[in-house]
């Protein structure tokens, strides 16, 4: 299958608290609010306590990042 049907996440940028901007290989950019997922998933609640959750700093994902 082509990349059209399986877009790849290319970058993640921290916006306001618990909001992320994702950039995809198909050119789409989506803003995502992850607070409810973090608060609703026991294994992820520790992330709410850390200041290092990319707040206000650029974050990148993918090869070499």
C-alpha atoms as a PDB file:
ATOM      1  CA  UNK A   1       0.000   0.000   0.000  1.00  0.00           C
ATOM      2  CA  UNK A   2       1.084   3.571  -0.535  1.00  0.00           C
ATOM      3  CA  UNK A   3       1.990   6.200   2.074  1.00  0.00           C
ATOM      4  CA  UNK A   4      -1.361   7.853   1.316  1.00  0.00           C
ATOM      5  CA  UNK A   5      -3.104   5.142   3.312  1.00  0.00           C
ATOM      6  CA  UNK A   6      -0.450   5.009   6.037  1.00  0.00           C
ATOM      7  CA  UNK A   7       0.693   8.560   6.798  1.00  0.00           C
ATOM      8  CA  UNK A   8       3.777   8.865   8.954  1.00  0.00           C
ATOM      9  CA  UNK A   9       4.190  11.286  11.840  1.00  0.00           C
ATOM     10  CA  UNK A  10       7.052  13.636  10.952  1.00  0.00           C
ATOM     11  CA  UNK A  11       7.111  16.198  13.768  1.00  0.00           C
ATOM     12  CA  UNK A  12       5.480  17.113  17.062  1.00  0.00           C
ATOM     13  CA  UNK A  13       5.558  20.652  18.433  1.00  0.00           C
ATOM     14  CA  UNK A  14       4.467  21.636  21.943  1.00  0.00           C
ATOM     15  CA  UNK A  15       1.889  24.419  22.038  1.00  0.00           C
ATOM     16  CA  UNK A  16       0.079  25.439  25.230  1.00  0.00           C
ATOM     17  CA  UNK A  17      -0.035  22.977  28.125  1.00  0.00           C
ATOM     18  CA  UNK A  18      -1.085  19.517  26.954  1.00  0.00           C
ATOM     19  CA  UNK A  19      -1.611  20.665  23.349  1.00  0.00           C
ATOM     20  CA  UNK A  20       0.563  19.293  20.568  1.00  0.00           C
ATOM     21  CA  UNK A  21       0.802  20.168  16.877  1.00  0.00           C
ATOM     22  CA  UNK A  22       1.477  17.095  14.745  1.00  0.00           C
ATOM     23  CA  UNK A  23       2.819  17.215  11.190  1.00  0.00           C
ATOM     24  CA  UNK A  24       2.184  14.242   8.902  1.00  0.00           C
ATOM     25  CA  UNK A  25       3.880  12.919   5.763  1.00  0.00           C
ATOM     26  CA  UNK A  26       0.768  13.755   3.705  1.00  0.00           C
ATOM     27  CA  UNK A  27       1.171  17.444   4.541  1.00  0.00           C
ATOM     28  CA  UNK A  28      -1.601  17.584   7.124  1.00  0.00           C
ATOM     29  CA  UNK A  29      -1.030  19.482  10.369  1.00  0.00           C
ATOM     30  CA  UNK A  30      -3.281  18.681  13.333  1.00  0.00           C
ATOM     31  CA  UNK A  31      -3.484  20.240  16.795  1.00  0.00           C
ATOM     32  CA  UNK A  32      -4.218  17.675  19.503  1.00  0.00           C
ATOM     33  CA  UNK A  33      -5.271  18.174  23.135  1.00  0.00           C
ATOM     34  CA  UNK A  34      -3.779  15.244  25.081  1.00  0.00           C
ATOM     35  CA  UNK A  35      -4.775  16.297  28.612  1.00  0.00           C
ATOM     36  CA  UNK A  36      -7.805  13.991  28.872  1.00  0.00           C
ATOM     37  CA  UNK A  37      -5.738  11.024  27.645  1.00  0.00           C
ATOM     38  CA  UNK A  38      -2.991  11.749  30.183  1.00  0.00           C
ATOM     39  CA  UNK A  39      -5.470  12.184  33.037  1.00  0.00           C
ATOM     40  CA  UNK A  40      -7.512   9.137  32.036  1.00  0.00           C
ATOM     41  CA  UNK A  41      -4.640   6.668  31.645  1.00  0.00           C
ATOM     42  CA  UNK A  42      -3.079   5.605  34.952  1.00  0.00           C
ATOM     43  CA  UNK A  43       0.262   4.714  33.371  1.00  0.00           C
ATOM     44  CA  UNK A  44       0.556   8.237  31.904  1.00  0.00           C
ATOM     45  CA  UNK A  45      -0.475  10.378  34.896  1.00  0.00           C
ATOM     46  CA  UNK A  46       3.175  10.822  35.986  1.00  0.00           C
ATOM     47  CA  UNK A  47       3.659  12.910  32.832  1.00  0.00           C
ATOM     48  CA  UNK A  48       1.303  15.492  34.317  1.00  0.00           C
ATOM     49  CA  UNK A  49       3.736  16.032  37.203  1.00  0.00           C
ATOM     50  CA  UNK A  50       6.803  16.753  35.116  1.00  0.00           C
ATOM     51  CA  UNK A  51       7.798  20.129  33.744  1.00  0.00           C
ATOM     52  CA  UNK A  52       9.711  18.398  30.975  1.00  0.00           C
ATOM     53  CA  UNK A  53       6.719  17.460  28.837  1.00  0.00           C
ATOM     54  CA  UNK A  54       7.999  19.651  25.990  1.00  0.00           C
ATOM     55  CA  UNK A  55       6.071  22.651  27.262  1.00  0.00           C
ATOM     56  CA  UNK A  56       7.031  25.543  25.034  1.00  0.00           C
ATOM     57  CA  UNK A  57      10.012  23.721  23.526  1.00  0.00           C
ATOM     58  CA  UNK A  58      10.164  22.160  20.077  1.00  0.00           C
ATOM     59  CA  UNK A  59       9.886  18.372  20.114  1.00  0.00           C
ATOM     60  CA  UNK A  60      10.660  16.148  17.150  1.00  0.00           C
ATOM     61  CA  UNK A  61       9.987  12.498  16.445  1.00  0.00           C
ATOM     62  CA  UNK A  62      11.299  10.124  13.846  1.00  0.00           C
ATOM     63  CA  UNK A  63      14.706   8.971  12.655  1.00  0.00           C
ATOM     64  CA  UNK A  64      17.526  11.021  14.116  1.00  0.00           C
ATOM     65  CA  UNK A  65      15.349  12.747  16.743  1.00  0.00           C
END
